[in-house]
Amino acid sequence: MASPSTAFDYPVCLRLHGKRVLLIGAGNIAEGRALQLIETGARVRMIAPQATATLRRLAEQGQLELLERPYAQGDLSGHALVFVATDDRRVSEAVAEEARALGIWLNAADEPDLCDFTIPSIGRRGAITVAVSTQGQSPALARHLRQKLTEQISLHHVQLARLSGWLRERLPRGPRRSRLLRLLVEEDIRGLLAKGQRREAWARLRAELEALGETT
């Protein structure tokens, strides 16, 4: 078994739609966390003595619940996930202690020793997400690498992701479907999309589907 100092993080993409998520703290870091969580469809509750103007506006719009008061014991009950982003180590430790007691996973900003999971630097283009993590050791480096990688995602990559999803919903599982999905990425359909030749790409796809006995 690896020791805590040598163990690697296990990367996952959480589906939080409809889940209750608590965010304690309402400064700039917490604001960023809230915006990302809202995108996932999570039911976000924020607790902090003061909030940014953006967070107040989001609360007024009904996109999150905002309680402008200090954290209190018992606030974590009923939540699937907890984030804490405050400048007070004592608050972070108290939240972490309650989270451990309730078996709730916790992320504490700038406090890696209190975290059950860390937050990668995230970039999005359509359905494609780029996430770079340094296991909390260098957020600035993770941000730099994420920017570089995200810049390489073009419109045709987004189109390929959408097309692959569309085909996965309509074609029966099996080796023939797997082969076609590989062809989208590895063969000339990707190249045609990269050149903006969508009509030619669609014709090529139709030929492959007909060869499989499928029609669009």
N, C-alpha and C. Protein backbone atom coordinates (compact mmCIF):
# COMPACT_ATOMS: atom_id res chain seq x y z
N MET A 1 0.84 -1.19 0.00
CA MET A 1 0.00 0.00 0.00
C MET A 1 0.88 1.25 0.00
N ALA A 2 0.53 2.21 -0.87
CA ALA A 2 1.31 3.45 -0.95
C ALA A 2 1.06 4.31 0.29
N SER A 3 2.09 5.03 0.68
CA SER A 3 1.96 5.96 1.81
C SER A 3 1.26 7.22 1.31
N PRO A 4 0.65 8.03 2.24
CA PRO A 4 -0.02 9.26 1.82
C PRO A 4 0.87 10.19 1.02
N SER A 5 2.16 10.18 1.27
CA SER A 5 3.07 11.10 0.58
C SER A 5 3.40 10.66 -0.84
N THR A 6 3.20 9.36 -1.14
CA THR A 6 3.54 8.85 -2.47
C THR A 6 2.32 8.42 -3.28
N ALA A 7 1.15 8.36 -2.67
CA ALA A 7 -0.05 7.91 -3.37
C ALA A 7 -0.52 8.98 -4.36
N PHE A 8 -1.02 8.52 -5.51
CA PHE A 8 -1.56 9.43 -6.52
C PHE A 8 -3.05 9.63 -6.31
N ASP A 9 -3.55 10.81 -6.70
CA ASP A 9 -4.99 11.05 -6.71
C ASP A 9 -5.64 10.21 -7.80
N TYR A 10 -6.90 9.83 -7.59
CA TYR A 10 -7.66 9.09 -8.59
C TYR A 10 -8.62 10.06 -9.28
N PRO A 11 -8.39 10.37 -10.57
CA PRO A 11 -9.22 11.37 -11.25
C PRO A 11 -10.59 10.82 -11.62
N VAL A 12 -11.63 11.59 -11.33
CA VAL A 12 -13.00 11.22 -11.70
C VAL A 12 -13.73 12.49 -12.17
N CYS A 13 -14.82 12.28 -12.88
CA CYS A 13 -15.73 13.39 -13.23
C CYS A 13 -17.05 13.11 -12.53
N LEU A 14 -17.40 13.94 -11.57
CA LEU A 14 -18.60 13.71 -10.76
C LEU A 14 -19.85 14.25 -11.47
N ARG A 15 -20.92 13.49 -11.40
CA ARG A 15 -22.21 13.94 -11.90
C ARG A 15 -23.04 14.43 -10.71
N LEU A 16 -23.11 15.75 -10.58
CA LEU A 16 -23.72 16.35 -9.39
C LEU A 16 -25.11 16.91 -9.63
N HIS A 17 -25.67 16.66 -10.81
CA HIS A 17 -26.99 17.23 -11.11
C HIS A 17 -28.01 16.78 -10.06
N GLY A 18 -28.65 17.78 -9.43
CA GLY A 18 -29.65 17.49 -8.42
C GLY A 18 -29.11 17.16 -7.05
N LYS A 19 -27.78 17.04 -6.91
CA LYS A 19 -27.19 16.74 -5.61
C LYS A 19 -27.06 18.00 -4.76
N ARG A 20 -27.20 17.83 -3.46
CA ARG A 20 -27.04 18.96 -2.54
C ARG A 20 -25.55 19.13 -2.22
N VAL A 21 -25.04 20.31 -2.54
CA VAL A 21 -23.62 20.62 -2.32
C VAL A 21 -23.53 21.88 -1.47
N LEU A 22 -22.69 21.82 -0.43
CA LEU A 22 -22.51 22.95 0.48
C LEU A 22 -21.17 23.62 0.21
N LEU A 23 -21.20 24.94 0.17
CA LEU A 23 -19.98 25.73 -0.04
C LEU A 23 -19.90 26.75 1.09
N ILE A 24 -18.88 26.63 1.93
CA ILE A 24 -18.71 27.53 3.06
C ILE A 24 -17.61 28.54 2.73
N GLY A 25 -17.97 29.82 2.78
CA GLY A 25 -17.07 30.88 2.35
C GLY A 25 -17.65 31.51 1.09
N ALA A 26 -17.48 32.80 0.92
CA ALA A 26 -18.10 33.46 -0.23
C ALA A 26 -17.22 34.56 -0.80
N GLY A 27 -15.90 34.33 -0.82
CA GLY A 27 -14.99 35.26 -1.46
C GLY A 27 -14.80 34.90 -2.92
N ASN A 28 -13.69 35.32 -3.51
CA ASN A 28 -13.45 35.09 -4.93
C ASN A 28 -13.29 33.61 -5.26
N ILE A 29 -12.56 32.87 -4.40
CA ILE A 29 -12.39 31.44 -4.65
C ILE A 29 -13.74 30.73 -4.58
N ALA A 30 -14.51 31.04 -3.55
CA ALA A 30 -15.82 30.41 -3.40
C ALA A 30 -16.73 30.78 -4.57
N GLU A 31 -16.62 32.00 -5.04
CA GLU A 31 -17.43 32.42 -6.19
C GLU A 31 -17.12 31.56 -7.41
N GLY A 32 -15.83 31.32 -7.66
CA GLY A 32 -15.45 30.46 -8.77
C GLY A 32 -15.98 29.05 -8.62
N ARG A 33 -15.89 28.51 -7.41
CA ARG A 33 -16.42 27.18 -7.15
C ARG A 33 -17.93 27.15 -7.42
N ALA A 34 -18.63 28.19 -6.95
CA ALA A 34 -20.09 28.23 -7.12
C ALA A 34 -20.48 28.24 -8.60
N LEU A 35 -19.79 29.03 -9.40
CA LEU A 35 -20.10 29.10 -10.82
C LEU A 35 -19.90 27.75 -11.49
N GLN A 36 -18.84 27.03 -11.13
CA GLN A 36 -18.60 25.71 -11.69
C GLN A 36 -19.68 24.72 -11.25
N LEU A 37 -20.07 24.79 -9.99
CA LEU A 37 -21.08 23.86 -9.48
C LEU A 37 -22.45 24.12 -10.09
N ILE A 38 -22.77 25.37 -10.32
CA ILE A 38 -24.05 25.70 -10.96
C ILE A 38 -24.11 25.08 -12.35
N GLU A 39 -22.97 25.10 -13.06
CA GLU A 39 -22.93 24.50 -14.40
C GLU A 39 -23.26 23.01 -14.37
N THR A 40 -22.94 22.35 -13.26
CA THR A 40 -23.20 20.91 -13.17
C THR A 40 -24.65 20.60 -12.85
N GLY A 41 -25.43 21.61 -12.45
CA GLY A 41 -26.80 21.37 -12.06
C GLY A 41 -26.96 20.99 -10.60
N ALA A 42 -25.90 21.16 -9.81
CA ALA A 42 -25.98 20.84 -8.39
C ALA A 42 -26.89 21.84 -7.66
N ARG A 43 -27.47 21.40 -6.57
CA ARG A 43 -28.26 22.29 -5.70
C ARG A 43 -27.30 22.89 -4.67
N VAL A 44 -26.88 24.12 -4.92
CA VAL A 44 -25.79 24.73 -4.15
C VAL A 44 -26.34 25.59 -3.01
N ARG A 45 -25.81 25.34 -1.81
CA ARG A 45 -26.06 26.20 -0.65
C ARG A 45 -24.73 26.81 -0.23
N MET A 46 -24.71 28.13 -0.01
CA MET A 46 -23.51 28.82 0.43
C MET A 46 -23.75 29.44 1.79
N ILE A 47 -22.73 29.33 2.64
CA ILE A 47 -22.80 29.91 3.99
C ILE A 47 -21.55 30.77 4.18
N ALA A 48 -21.74 32.04 4.50
CA ALA A 48 -20.62 32.96 4.77
C ALA A 48 -21.18 34.25 5.38
N PRO A 49 -20.40 34.89 6.27
CA PRO A 49 -20.86 36.14 6.86
C PRO A 49 -21.09 37.23 5.82
N GLN A 50 -20.29 37.22 4.74
CA GLN A 50 -20.45 38.20 3.67
C GLN A 50 -20.27 37.50 2.34
N ALA A 51 -20.93 38.03 1.30
CA ALA A 51 -20.86 37.43 -0.02
C ALA A 51 -20.54 38.49 -1.06
N THR A 52 -20.00 38.04 -2.19
CA THR A 52 -19.72 38.97 -3.29
C THR A 52 -21.02 39.39 -3.96
N ALA A 53 -20.94 40.46 -4.73
CA ALA A 53 -22.13 40.94 -5.45
C ALA A 53 -22.63 39.89 -6.43
N THR A 54 -21.71 39.18 -7.05
CA THR A 54 -22.10 38.13 -8.00
C THR A 54 -22.88 37.03 -7.30
N LEU A 55 -22.41 36.61 -6.13
CA LEU A 55 -23.10 35.55 -5.41
C LEU A 55 -24.48 36.00 -4.94
N ARG A 56 -24.60 37.24 -4.51
CA ARG A 56 -25.92 37.75 -4.12
C ARG A 56 -26.87 37.76 -5.31
N ARG A 57 -26.34 38.13 -6.47
CA ARG A 57 -27.18 38.15 -7.67
C ARG A 57 -27.63 36.73 -8.05
N LEU A 58 -26.72 35.77 -7.95
CA LEU A 58 -27.08 34.39 -8.25
C LEU A 58 -28.15 33.88 -7.28
N ALA A 59 -28.02 34.28 -6.02
CA ALA A 59 -29.02 33.87 -5.03
C ALA A 59 -30.38 34.49 -5.35
N GLU A 60 -30.38 35.77 -5.74
CA GLU A 60 -31.63 36.44 -6.10
C GLU A 60 -32.28 35.79 -7.31
N GLN A 61 -31.46 35.25 -8.22
CA GLN A 61 -31.97 34.59 -9.41
C GLN A 61 -32.39 33.15 -9.15
N GLY A 62 -32.17 32.67 -7.92
CA GLY A 62 -32.57 31.33 -7.57
C GLY A 62 -31.61 30.24 -8.02
N GLN A 63 -30.38 30.64 -8.40
CA GLN A 63 -29.42 29.64 -8.88
C GLN A 63 -28.64 28.99 -7.74
N LEU A 64 -28.68 29.61 -6.57
CA LEU A 64 -28.11 29.01 -5.37
C LEU A 64 -28.81 29.59 -4.15
N GLU A 65 -28.63 28.91 -3.03
CA GLU A 65 -29.17 29.39 -1.75
C GLU A 65 -28.03 30.01 -0.96
N LEU A 66 -28.22 31.24 -0.49
CA LEU A 66 -27.17 31.97 0.22
C LEU A 66 -27.62 32.30 1.63
N LEU A 67 -26.82 31.84 2.60
CA LEU A 67 -27.07 32.15 4.01
C LEU A 67 -25.91 33.02 4.49
N GLU A 68 -26.16 34.29 4.73
CA GLU A 68 -25.09 35.20 5.13
C GLU A 68 -24.95 35.19 6.65
N ARG A 69 -24.23 34.21 7.12
CA ARG A 69 -23.94 34.01 8.54
C ARG A 69 -22.72 33.11 8.66
N PRO A 70 -22.10 33.02 9.84
CA PRO A 70 -20.96 32.11 10.01
C PRO A 70 -21.39 30.65 9.96
N TYR A 71 -20.43 29.78 9.67
CA TYR A 71 -20.66 28.33 9.73
C TYR A 71 -21.01 27.94 11.16
N ALA A 72 -21.92 26.96 11.29
CA ALA A 72 -22.29 26.43 12.59
C ALA A 72 -22.32 24.91 12.53
N GLN A 73 -21.98 24.25 13.63
CA GLN A 73 -22.03 22.80 13.70
C GLN A 73 -23.41 22.31 13.28
N GLY A 74 -23.45 21.31 12.41
CA GLY A 74 -24.72 20.78 11.92
C GLY A 74 -25.06 21.24 10.52
N ASP A 75 -24.32 22.22 9.99
CA ASP A 75 -24.62 22.74 8.66
C ASP A 75 -24.39 21.72 7.55
N LEU A 76 -23.53 20.73 7.78
CA LEU A 76 -23.18 19.80 6.71
C LEU A 76 -24.21 18.70 6.50
N SER A 77 -25.10 18.52 7.43
CA SER A 77 -26.06 17.43 7.35
C SER A 77 -26.89 17.50 6.06
N GLY A 78 -27.02 16.35 5.40
CA GLY A 78 -27.87 16.27 4.22
C GLY A 78 -27.20 16.62 2.91
N HIS A 79 -25.90 16.91 2.94
CA HIS A 79 -25.19 17.29 1.71
C HIS A 79 -24.34 16.14 1.20
N ALA A 80 -24.21 16.06 -0.13
CA ALA A 80 -23.43 15.01 -0.76
C ALA A 80 -21.95 15.35 -0.79
N LEU A 81 -21.65 16.64 -0.80
CA LEU A 81 -20.27 17.12 -0.98
C LEU A 81 -20.14 18.47 -0.30
N VAL A 82 -18.95 18.76 0.21
CA VAL A 82 -18.73 20.04 0.91
C VAL A 82 -17.44 20.68 0.43
N PHE A 83 -17.51 21.98 0.19
CA PHE A 83 -16.34 22.79 -0.14
C PHE A 83 -16.23 23.88 0.91
N VAL A 84 -15.01 24.14 1.37
CA VAL A 84 -14.78 25.25 2.28
C VAL A 84 -13.67 26.12 1.70
N ALA A 85 -13.92 27.43 1.67
CA ALA A 85 -12.94 28.38 1.12
C ALA A 85 -12.95 29.63 1.98
N THR A 86 -12.23 29.56 3.08
CA THR A 86 -12.14 30.69 4.00
C THR A 86 -10.66 30.96 4.30
N ASP A 87 -10.41 32.12 4.91
CA ASP A 87 -9.05 32.46 5.32
C ASP A 87 -8.76 32.02 6.76
N ASP A 88 -9.75 31.39 7.38
CA ASP A 88 -9.63 31.01 8.79
C ASP A 88 -9.40 29.50 8.90
N ARG A 89 -8.19 29.10 9.22
CA ARG A 89 -7.84 27.68 9.35
C ARG A 89 -8.72 26.98 10.36
N ARG A 90 -9.09 27.69 11.43
CA ARG A 90 -9.91 27.07 12.46
C ARG A 90 -11.28 26.67 11.92
N VAL A 91 -11.84 27.51 11.06
CA VAL A 91 -13.13 27.18 10.46
C VAL A 91 -12.98 25.95 9.56
N SER A 92 -11.93 25.95 8.75
CA SER A 92 -11.70 24.81 7.85
C SER A 92 -11.54 23.52 8.63
N GLU A 93 -10.82 23.56 9.75
CA GLU A 93 -10.62 22.37 10.57
C GLU A 93 -11.92 21.90 11.19
N ALA A 94 -12.75 22.84 11.64
CA ALA A 94 -14.03 22.47 12.25
C ALA A 94 -14.95 21.83 11.21
N VAL A 95 -14.97 22.39 10.00
CA VAL A 95 -15.79 21.82 8.92
C VAL A 95 -15.26 20.43 8.56
N ALA A 96 -13.94 20.29 8.49
CA ALA A 96 -13.35 18.99 8.16
C ALA A 96 -13.70 17.94 9.20
N GLU A 97 -13.67 18.32 10.46
CA GLU A 97 -14.00 17.38 11.53
C GLU A 97 -15.44 16.91 11.41
N GLU A 98 -16.36 17.85 11.13
CA GLU A 98 -17.77 17.46 10.97
C GLU A 98 -17.95 16.58 9.74
N ALA A 99 -17.26 16.92 8.66
CA ALA A 99 -17.36 16.13 7.43
C ALA A 99 -16.90 14.70 7.67
N ARG A 100 -15.78 14.53 8.38
CA ARG A 100 -15.27 13.19 8.67
C ARG A 100 -16.29 12.39 9.50
N ALA A 101 -16.89 13.05 10.46
CA ALA A 101 -17.86 12.37 11.33
C ALA A 101 -19.08 11.91 10.54
N LEU A 102 -19.46 12.67 9.52
CA LEU A 102 -20.66 12.35 8.75
C LEU A 102 -20.34 11.52 7.50
N GLY A 103 -19.05 11.31 7.21
CA GLY A 103 -18.69 10.56 6.02
C GLY A 103 -18.91 11.32 4.73
N ILE A 104 -18.82 12.66 4.80
CA ILE A 104 -19.01 13.50 3.62
C ILE A 104 -17.65 13.93 3.09
N TRP A 105 -17.45 13.83 1.80
CA TRP A 105 -16.18 14.22 1.21
C TRP A 105 -16.03 15.74 1.18
N LEU A 106 -14.81 16.19 1.46
CA LEU A 106 -14.55 17.62 1.65
C LEU A 106 -13.38 18.10 0.80
N ASN A 107 -13.51 19.31 0.28
CA ASN A 107 -12.39 20.03 -0.32
C ASN A 107 -12.22 21.34 0.43
N ALA A 108 -11.00 21.59 0.89
CA ALA A 108 -10.69 22.83 1.59
C ALA A 108 -9.65 23.60 0.78
N ALA A 109 -10.01 24.79 0.32
CA ALA A 109 -9.12 25.59 -0.52
C ALA A 109 -7.83 25.92 0.23
N ASP A 110 -6.69 25.68 -0.44
CA ASP A 110 -5.36 25.98 0.10
C ASP A 110 -5.04 25.22 1.38
N GLU A 111 -5.78 24.14 1.64
CA GLU A 111 -5.51 23.31 2.82
C GLU A 111 -5.48 21.85 2.38
N PRO A 112 -4.47 21.43 1.59
CA PRO A 112 -4.46 20.07 1.04
C PRO A 112 -4.51 18.97 2.08
N ASP A 113 -3.98 19.23 3.28
CA ASP A 113 -3.99 18.19 4.30
C ASP A 113 -5.38 17.90 4.84
N LEU A 114 -6.33 18.82 4.61
CA LEU A 114 -7.70 18.62 5.07
C LEU A 114 -8.60 18.02 3.99
N CYS A 115 -8.09 17.91 2.77
CA CYS A 115 -8.92 17.54 1.62
C CYS A 115 -9.08 16.03 1.46
N ASP A 116 -10.29 15.62 1.10
CA ASP A 116 -10.53 14.26 0.63
C ASP A 116 -10.35 14.19 -0.89
N PHE A 117 -10.46 15.33 -1.55
CA PHE A 117 -10.24 15.42 -2.99
C PHE A 117 -9.76 16.82 -3.32
N THR A 118 -9.04 16.94 -4.42
CA THR A 118 -8.57 18.25 -4.87
C THR A 118 -9.31 18.64 -6.14
N ILE A 119 -9.25 19.93 -6.49
CA ILE A 119 -9.94 20.45 -7.66
C ILE A 119 -8.93 20.71 -8.77
N PRO A 120 -9.07 20.05 -9.91
CA PRO A 120 -8.14 20.33 -11.01
C PRO A 120 -8.45 21.67 -11.65
N SER A 121 -7.52 22.17 -12.44
CA SER A 121 -7.77 23.35 -13.25
C SER A 121 -8.56 22.89 -14.47
N ILE A 122 -9.71 23.50 -14.71
CA ILE A 122 -10.67 22.99 -15.69
C ILE A 122 -10.85 23.94 -16.86
N GLY A 123 -10.85 23.36 -18.06
CA GLY A 123 -11.19 24.11 -19.28
C GLY A 123 -12.25 23.33 -20.04
N ARG A 124 -13.20 24.04 -20.67
CA ARG A 124 -14.28 23.36 -21.39
C ARG A 124 -14.45 23.91 -22.79
N ARG A 125 -14.71 23.00 -23.72
CA ARG A 125 -15.13 23.34 -25.07
C ARG A 125 -16.27 22.38 -25.42
N GLY A 126 -17.50 22.85 -25.33
CA GLY A 126 -18.63 21.96 -25.57
C GLY A 126 -18.63 20.83 -24.57
N ALA A 127 -18.72 19.59 -25.09
CA ALA A 127 -18.76 18.41 -24.23
C ALA A 127 -17.37 17.98 -23.77
N ILE A 128 -16.33 18.65 -24.23
CA ILE A 128 -14.96 18.25 -23.91
C ILE A 128 -14.46 19.04 -22.70
N THR A 129 -14.00 18.32 -21.71
CA THR A 129 -13.44 18.94 -20.51
C THR A 129 -11.98 18.57 -20.37
N VAL A 130 -11.15 19.57 -20.17
CA VAL A 130 -9.73 19.36 -19.88
C VAL A 130 -9.51 19.67 -18.41
N ALA A 131 -8.93 18.73 -17.69
CA ALA A 131 -8.67 18.92 -16.27
C ALA A 131 -7.23 18.56 -15.97
N VAL A 132 -6.50 19.49 -15.37
CA VAL A 132 -5.09 19.27 -15.03
C VAL A 132 -4.92 19.41 -13.53
N SER A 133 -4.32 18.40 -12.92
CA SER A 133 -4.11 18.41 -11.48
C SER A 133 -2.63 18.21 -11.15
N THR A 134 -2.17 18.91 -10.14
CA THR A 134 -0.83 18.67 -9.58
C THR A 134 -0.95 18.15 -8.15
N GLN A 135 -2.11 17.54 -7.84
CA GLN A 135 -2.40 17.04 -6.49
C GLN A 135 -2.31 18.14 -5.44
N GLY A 136 -2.68 19.35 -5.86
CA GLY A 136 -2.68 20.47 -4.94
C GLY A 136 -1.34 21.11 -4.71
N GLN A 137 -0.28 20.64 -5.39
CA GLN A 137 1.06 21.15 -5.14
C GLN A 137 1.35 22.46 -5.87
N SER A 138 0.80 22.63 -7.08
CA SER A 138 1.08 23.85 -7.84
C SER A 138 -0.12 24.24 -8.68
N PRO A 139 -1.13 24.89 -8.08
CA PRO A 139 -2.29 25.33 -8.85
C PRO A 139 -1.92 26.24 -10.03
N ALA A 140 -0.87 27.06 -9.88
CA ALA A 140 -0.47 27.96 -10.97
C ALA A 140 0.01 27.17 -12.18
N LEU A 141 0.78 26.11 -11.95
CA LEU A 141 1.25 25.27 -13.05
C LEU A 141 0.08 24.53 -13.69
N ALA A 142 -0.83 24.02 -12.89
CA ALA A 142 -2.00 23.34 -13.43
C ALA A 142 -2.81 24.29 -14.32
N ARG A 143 -2.95 25.53 -13.87
CA ARG A 143 -3.69 26.53 -14.66
C ARG A 143 -2.99 26.81 -15.99
N HIS A 144 -1.67 26.93 -15.95
CA HIS A 144 -0.89 27.20 -17.17
C HIS A 144 -1.04 26.06 -18.17
N LEU A 145 -0.89 24.83 -17.71
CA LEU A 145 -1.00 23.68 -18.60
C LEU A 145 -2.41 23.53 -19.14
N ARG A 146 -3.40 23.77 -18.29
CA ARG A 146 -4.80 23.68 -18.74
C ARG A 146 -5.08 24.66 -19.87
N GLN A 147 -4.57 25.89 -19.74
CA GLN A 147 -4.76 26.88 -20.80
C GLN A 147 -4.15 26.42 -22.11
N LYS A 148 -2.93 25.87 -22.05
CA LYS A 148 -2.25 25.40 -23.25
C LYS A 148 -3.03 24.26 -23.92
N LEU A 149 -3.51 23.32 -23.12
CA LEU A 149 -4.23 22.17 -23.67
C LEU A 149 -5.59 22.57 -24.23
N THR A 150 -6.28 23.46 -23.53
CA THR A 150 -7.61 23.88 -23.99
C THR A 150 -7.52 24.60 -25.32
N GLU A 151 -6.44 25.36 -25.52
CA GLU A 151 -6.27 26.08 -26.78
C GLU A 151 -6.17 25.14 -27.98
N GLN A 152 -5.81 23.89 -27.75
CA GLN A 152 -5.66 22.93 -28.83
C GLN A 152 -6.98 22.26 -29.23
N ILE A 153 -8.04 22.50 -28.47
CA ILE A 153 -9.34 21.91 -28.79
C ILE A 153 -10.05 22.81 -29.80
N SER A 154 -10.29 22.30 -30.99
CA SER A 154 -10.91 23.07 -32.06
C SER A 154 -12.40 22.73 -32.20
N LEU A 155 -13.08 23.47 -33.06
CA LEU A 155 -14.50 23.24 -33.28
C LEU A 155 -14.76 21.83 -33.77
N HIS A 156 -13.89 21.30 -34.62
CA HIS A 156 -14.15 19.96 -35.15
C HIS A 156 -14.03 18.89 -34.07
N HIS A 157 -13.23 19.15 -33.02
CA HIS A 157 -13.19 18.21 -31.90
C HIS A 157 -14.54 18.18 -31.17
N VAL A 158 -15.12 19.36 -30.99
CA VAL A 158 -16.44 19.45 -30.34
C VAL A 158 -17.49 18.75 -31.20
N GLN A 159 -17.42 18.96 -32.52
CA GLN A 159 -18.36 18.29 -33.43
C GLN A 159 -18.22 16.77 -33.36
N LEU A 160 -16.97 16.30 -33.28
CA LEU A 160 -16.74 14.86 -33.18
C LEU A 160 -17.33 14.28 -31.89
N ALA A 161 -17.18 15.01 -30.80
CA ALA A 161 -17.73 14.54 -29.53
C ALA A 161 -19.25 14.44 -29.62
N ARG A 162 -19.89 15.46 -30.20
CA ARG A 162 -21.35 15.44 -30.33
C ARG A 162 -21.79 14.30 -31.24
N LEU A 163 -21.10 14.13 -32.36
CA LEU A 163 -21.44 13.08 -33.31
C LEU A 163 -21.27 11.70 -32.69
N SER A 164 -20.20 11.51 -31.94
CA SER A 164 -19.99 10.23 -31.27
C SER A 164 -21.11 9.94 -30.28
N GLY A 165 -21.51 10.95 -29.52
CA GLY A 165 -22.60 10.77 -28.57
C GLY A 165 -23.90 10.41 -29.26
N TRP A 166 -24.16 11.07 -30.39
CA TRP A 166 -25.38 10.81 -31.18
C TRP A 166 -25.39 9.36 -31.67
N LEU A 167 -24.25 8.88 -32.15
CA LEU A 167 -24.16 7.52 -32.66
C LEU A 167 -24.27 6.49 -31.54
N ARG A 168 -23.68 6.78 -30.40
CA ARG A 168 -23.74 5.83 -29.27
C ARG A 168 -25.17 5.62 -28.81
N GLU A 169 -26.01 6.66 -28.94
CA GLU A 169 -27.41 6.54 -28.54
C GLU A 169 -28.22 5.71 -29.53
N ARG A 170 -27.79 5.65 -30.80
CA ARG A 170 -28.62 5.06 -31.85
C ARG A 170 -28.15 3.70 -32.35
N LEU A 171 -26.89 3.40 -32.19
CA LEU A 171 -26.36 2.13 -32.70
C LEU A 171 -26.29 1.10 -31.58
N PRO A 172 -26.59 -0.15 -31.88
CA PRO A 172 -26.48 -1.21 -30.86
C PRO A 172 -25.03 -1.42 -30.45
N ARG A 173 -24.85 -1.80 -29.20
CA ARG A 173 -23.50 -2.06 -28.70
C ARG A 173 -22.88 -3.25 -29.42
N GLY A 174 -21.57 -3.24 -29.47
CA GLY A 174 -20.88 -4.35 -30.09
C GLY A 174 -19.64 -3.89 -30.83
N PRO A 175 -18.89 -4.84 -31.40
CA PRO A 175 -17.64 -4.50 -32.07
C PRO A 175 -17.82 -3.59 -33.28
N ARG A 176 -18.97 -3.72 -33.99
CA ARG A 176 -19.15 -2.88 -35.17
C ARG A 176 -19.32 -1.41 -34.78
N ARG A 177 -20.07 -1.17 -33.69
CA ARG A 177 -20.21 0.20 -33.22
C ARG A 177 -18.87 0.74 -32.73
N SER A 178 -18.13 -0.06 -32.01
CA SER A 178 -16.81 0.36 -31.51
C SER A 178 -15.89 0.72 -32.67
N ARG A 179 -15.94 -0.08 -33.73
CA ARG A 179 -15.09 0.19 -34.89
C ARG A 179 -15.45 1.53 -35.52
N LEU A 180 -16.75 1.78 -35.68
CA LEU A 180 -17.17 3.04 -36.29
C LEU A 180 -16.76 4.24 -35.44
N LEU A 181 -16.91 4.13 -34.13
CA LEU A 181 -16.53 5.24 -33.26
C LEU A 181 -15.03 5.50 -33.31
N ARG A 182 -14.24 4.44 -33.49
CA ARG A 182 -12.80 4.63 -33.66
C ARG A 182 -12.49 5.31 -34.99
N LEU A 183 -13.25 4.93 -36.04
CA LEU A 183 -13.03 5.53 -37.35
C LEU A 183 -13.27 7.05 -37.31
N LEU A 184 -14.25 7.47 -36.51
CA LEU A 184 -14.53 8.90 -36.42
C LEU A 184 -13.30 9.69 -36.00
N VAL A 185 -12.55 9.12 -35.08
CA VAL A 185 -11.41 9.83 -34.50
C VAL A 185 -10.12 9.56 -35.27
N GLU A 186 -9.97 8.34 -35.76
CA GLU A 186 -8.68 7.94 -36.32
C GLU A 186 -8.58 8.11 -37.83
N GLU A 187 -9.72 8.18 -38.54
CA GLU A 187 -9.67 8.15 -40.00
C GLU A 187 -10.09 9.49 -40.60
N ASP A 188 -10.50 9.45 -41.87
CA ASP A 188 -10.67 10.68 -42.63
C ASP A 188 -11.88 11.51 -42.23
N ILE A 189 -12.84 10.95 -41.49
CA ILE A 189 -13.98 11.76 -41.06
C ILE A 189 -13.50 12.90 -40.18
N ARG A 190 -12.59 12.61 -39.27
CA ARG A 190 -12.02 13.67 -38.43
C ARG A 190 -11.29 14.70 -39.29
N GLY A 191 -10.53 14.24 -40.27
CA GLY A 191 -9.80 15.16 -41.13
C GLY A 191 -10.73 16.06 -41.93
N LEU A 192 -11.84 15.50 -42.42
CA LEU A 192 -12.81 16.31 -43.18
C LEU A 192 -13.44 17.37 -42.29
N LEU A 193 -13.79 17.00 -41.07
CA LEU A 193 -14.36 17.99 -40.15
C LEU A 193 -13.33 19.07 -39.81
N ALA A 194 -12.08 18.67 -39.65
CA ALA A 194 -11.03 19.64 -39.34
C ALA A 194 -10.89 20.67 -40.46
N LYS A 195 -11.17 20.27 -41.70
CA LYS A 195 -11.08 21.18 -42.85
C LYS A 195 -12.38 21.96 -43.07
N GLY A 196 -13.39 21.70 -42.23
CA GLY A 196 -14.66 22.38 -42.39
C GLY A 196 -15.55 21.75 -43.44
N GLN A 197 -15.22 20.56 -43.91
CA GLN A 197 -15.98 19.89 -44.97
C GLN A 197 -17.04 18.98 -44.34
N ARG A 198 -18.05 19.58 -43.76
CA ARG A 198 -19.06 18.82 -43.02
C ARG A 198 -19.89 17.93 -43.95
N ARG A 199 -20.23 18.44 -45.14
CA ARG A 199 -21.03 17.64 -46.07
C ARG A 199 -20.28 16.37 -46.48
N GLU A 200 -19.00 16.52 -46.79
CA GLU A 200 -18.19 15.36 -47.16
C GLU A 200 -18.04 14.39 -46.00
N ALA A 201 -17.88 14.95 -44.79
CA ALA A 201 -17.77 14.09 -43.61
C ALA A 201 -19.06 13.30 -43.39
N TRP A 202 -20.19 13.96 -43.57
CA TRP A 202 -21.47 13.28 -43.39
C TRP A 202 -21.67 12.18 -44.44
N ALA A 203 -21.24 12.45 -45.69
CA ALA A 203 -21.34 11.44 -46.75
C ALA A 203 -20.48 10.22 -46.41
N ARG A 204 -19.29 10.48 -45.89
CA ARG A 204 -18.40 9.38 -45.50
C ARG A 204 -19.01 8.57 -44.36
N LEU A 205 -19.64 9.26 -43.43
CA LEU A 205 -20.28 8.58 -42.32
C LEU A 205 -21.45 7.73 -42.80
N ARG A 206 -22.24 8.27 -43.72
CA ARG A 206 -23.38 7.51 -44.26
C ARG A 206 -22.89 6.23 -44.93
N ALA A 207 -21.78 6.33 -45.64
CA ALA A 207 -21.24 5.14 -46.31
C ALA A 207 -20.85 4.09 -45.28
N GLU A 208 -20.25 4.52 -44.17
CA GLU A 208 -19.87 3.57 -43.13
C GLU A 208 -21.10 2.95 -42.49
N LEU A 209 -22.14 3.77 -42.25
CA LEU A 209 -23.36 3.26 -41.64
C LEU A 209 -24.06 2.27 -42.56
N GLU A 210 -24.07 2.56 -43.85
CA GLU A 210 -24.68 1.64 -44.81
C GLU A 210 -23.92 0.32 -44.85
N ALA A 211 -22.61 0.40 -44.73
CA ALA A 211 -21.80 -0.82 -44.71
C ALA A 211 -22.11 -1.66 -43.47
N LEU A 212 -22.55 -0.98 -42.41
CA LEU A 212 -22.92 -1.69 -41.19
C LEU A 212 -24.38 -2.13 -41.19
N GLY A 213 -25.12 -1.75 -42.25
CA GLY A 213 -26.53 -2.08 -42.32
C GLY A 213 -27.40 -1.13 -41.54
N GLU A 214 -26.88 0.08 -41.26
CA GLU A 214 -27.62 1.11 -40.52
C GLU A 214 -27.90 2.29 -41.44
N THR A 215 -28.96 3.02 -41.17
CA THR A 215 -29.27 4.25 -41.91
C THR A 215 -29.43 5.37 -40.93
N THR A 216 -29.21 6.64 -41.38
CA THR A 216 -29.33 7.81 -40.51
C THR A 216 -30.68 8.46 -40.68
